[in-house]
């Protein structure tokens, strides 16, 4: 029993190292995209993506995204896809597509939100 557990642990460790070094990433495309069907895709050699990412979240992390940022990201993604999996809402929400990373401190300040509401 002890040897079986050690073999299982080594196999899991080797799988994690293979995924990390191989650059395998999960990219979730939402149902609203025009260029690709809603899917969870496995992408290889894409160190530009996070481990679990979406085109919307990727565009939200850029300082000044272009108008067609999501379309360009989806086009690039469609060339790199290895496997299409069914769409997962939970994984898509895990990527936080609505929260831009560059304005995280400003958006979360309650005092600044109340001041902005008065002037709008």
Protein backbone atom coordinates (compact mmCIF):
# COMPACT_ATOMS: atom_id res chain seq x y z
CA UNK A 1 0.00 0.00 0.00
CA UNK A 2 2.84 2.35 0.84
CA UNK A 3 4.53 1.74 -2.52
CA UNK A 4 1.27 2.35 -4.41
CA UNK A 5 0.87 5.72 -2.68
CA UNK A 6 4.45 6.71 -3.53
CA UNK A 7 3.97 5.72 -7.18
CA UNK A 8 0.71 7.71 -7.32
CA UNK A 9 2.43 10.75 -5.78
CA UNK A 10 5.31 10.57 -8.28
CA UNK A 11 2.88 10.27 -11.21
CA UNK A 12 0.90 13.30 -10.04
CA UNK A 13 4.12 15.29 -9.60
CA UNK A 14 5.31 14.33 -13.10
CA UNK A 15 1.95 15.35 -14.59
CA UNK A 16 2.12 18.75 -12.90
CA UNK A 17 5.69 19.34 -14.11
CA UNK A 18 4.73 18.27 -17.65
CA UNK A 19 1.76 20.64 -17.73
CA UNK A 20 3.81 23.52 -16.35
CA UNK A 21 6.84 23.09 -18.61
CA UNK A 22 4.73 22.25 -21.66
CA UNK A 23 2.80 25.48 -21.23
CA UNK A 24 -0.64 23.87 -21.17
CA UNK A 25 -3.32 26.37 -20.21
CA UNK A 26 -7.11 26.34 -19.90
CA UNK A 27 -8.73 29.24 -21.74
CA UNK A 28 -12.48 29.74 -21.35
CA UNK A 29 -14.34 31.38 -24.24
CA UNK A 30 -17.78 32.74 -23.20
CA UNK A 31 -21.00 32.18 -25.16
CA UNK A 32 -21.14 35.83 -26.29
CA UNK A 33 -18.07 35.59 -28.52
CA UNK A 34 -18.77 35.80 -32.25
CA UNK A 35 -15.61 34.20 -33.60
CA UNK A 36 -15.64 31.01 -31.53
CA UNK A 37 -18.29 28.82 -29.93
CA UNK A 38 -18.50 28.78 -26.16
CA UNK A 39 -15.90 26.33 -24.99
CA UNK A 40 -13.13 25.58 -22.57
CA UNK A 41 -9.99 25.05 -24.59
CA UNK A 42 -6.60 23.54 -23.83
CA UNK A 43 -3.80 25.60 -25.35
CA UNK A 44 -0.11 24.63 -25.57
CA UNK A 45 3.00 26.82 -25.50
CA UNK A 46 1.03 29.87 -24.40
CA UNK A 47 2.90 31.43 -21.55
CA UNK A 48 1.03 34.69 -22.24
CA UNK A 49 -2.09 33.21 -20.64
CA UNK A 50 -2.53 32.40 -16.98
CA UNK A 51 -3.18 28.80 -15.92
CA UNK A 52 -6.94 29.39 -16.22
CA UNK A 53 -7.76 32.44 -18.32
CA UNK A 54 -10.26 34.00 -20.71
CA UNK A 55 -9.83 36.55 -23.52
CA UNK A 56 -11.92 39.08 -21.58
CA UNK A 57 -9.75 38.75 -18.49
CA UNK A 58 -6.61 39.02 -20.60
CA UNK A 59 -7.85 42.26 -22.17
CA UNK A 60 -8.87 43.56 -18.74
CA UNK A 61 -5.28 43.17 -17.51
CA UNK A 62 -3.80 45.38 -20.21
CA UNK A 63 -3.30 49.05 -19.37
CA UNK A 64 -5.12 50.46 -22.41
CA UNK A 65 -6.80 47.69 -24.35
CA UNK A 66 -7.63 48.22 -28.00
CA UNK A 67 -11.24 48.34 -29.13
CA UNK A 68 -10.97 44.93 -30.80
CA UNK A 69 -8.76 43.36 -28.11
CA UNK A 70 -11.11 40.43 -27.43
CA UNK A 71 -11.49 39.62 -31.12
CA UNK A 72 -7.73 39.64 -31.67
CA UNK A 73 -7.23 37.43 -28.59
CA UNK A 74 -9.88 34.96 -29.77
CA UNK A 75 -8.35 34.82 -33.28
CA UNK A 76 -4.93 34.10 -31.78
CA UNK A 77 -6.50 31.53 -29.46
CA UNK A 78 -8.27 29.71 -32.31
CA UNK A 79 -4.89 28.99 -33.95
CA UNK A 80 -3.36 27.52 -30.77
CA UNK A 81 -6.19 25.26 -29.56
CA UNK A 82 -5.34 21.61 -28.89
CA UNK A 83 -8.61 20.37 -27.36
CA UNK A 84 -12.14 21.80 -27.18
CA UNK A 85 -14.01 20.98 -23.98
CA UNK A 86 -17.55 21.97 -22.95
CA UNK A 87 -18.06 25.49 -21.61
CA UNK A 88 -17.77 25.82 -17.83
CA UNK A 89 -19.44 28.82 -16.21
CA UNK A 90 -17.55 28.19 -12.96
CA UNK A 91 -14.16 28.32 -14.70
CA UNK A 92 -15.21 31.44 -16.60
CA UNK A 93 -16.19 33.22 -13.36
CA UNK A 94 -12.91 32.05 -11.83
CA UNK A 95 -11.01 34.16 -14.38
CA UNK A 96 -12.81 37.33 -13.17
CA UNK A 97 -13.46 38.78 -16.63
CA UNK A 98 -15.31 41.88 -15.37
CA UNK A 99 -12.62 43.08 -12.94
CA UNK A 100 -9.83 45.04 -14.60
CA UNK A 101 -6.55 44.52 -12.76
CA UNK A 102 -5.18 48.01 -13.46
CA UNK A 103 -8.01 49.78 -11.59
CA UNK A 104 -8.39 47.31 -8.71
CA UNK A 105 -7.47 49.77 -5.97
CA UNK A 106 -9.60 52.61 -7.31
CA UNK A 107 -12.68 50.46 -7.88
CA UNK A 108 -12.58 48.88 -4.44
CA UNK A 109 -12.30 52.12 -2.45
CA UNK A 110 -15.73 52.80 -0.95
CA UNK A 111 -15.06 56.48 -0.24
CA UNK A 112 -13.97 57.14 -3.81
CA UNK A 113 -17.04 55.27 -5.12
CA UNK A 114 -19.36 57.46 -3.06
CA UNK A 115 -17.63 60.62 -4.32
CA UNK A 116 -17.85 59.43 -7.92
CA UNK A 117 -21.59 58.70 -7.52
CA UNK A 118 -22.25 62.28 -6.39
CA UNK A 119 -20.62 63.81 -9.45
CA UNK A 120 -22.19 61.51 -12.03
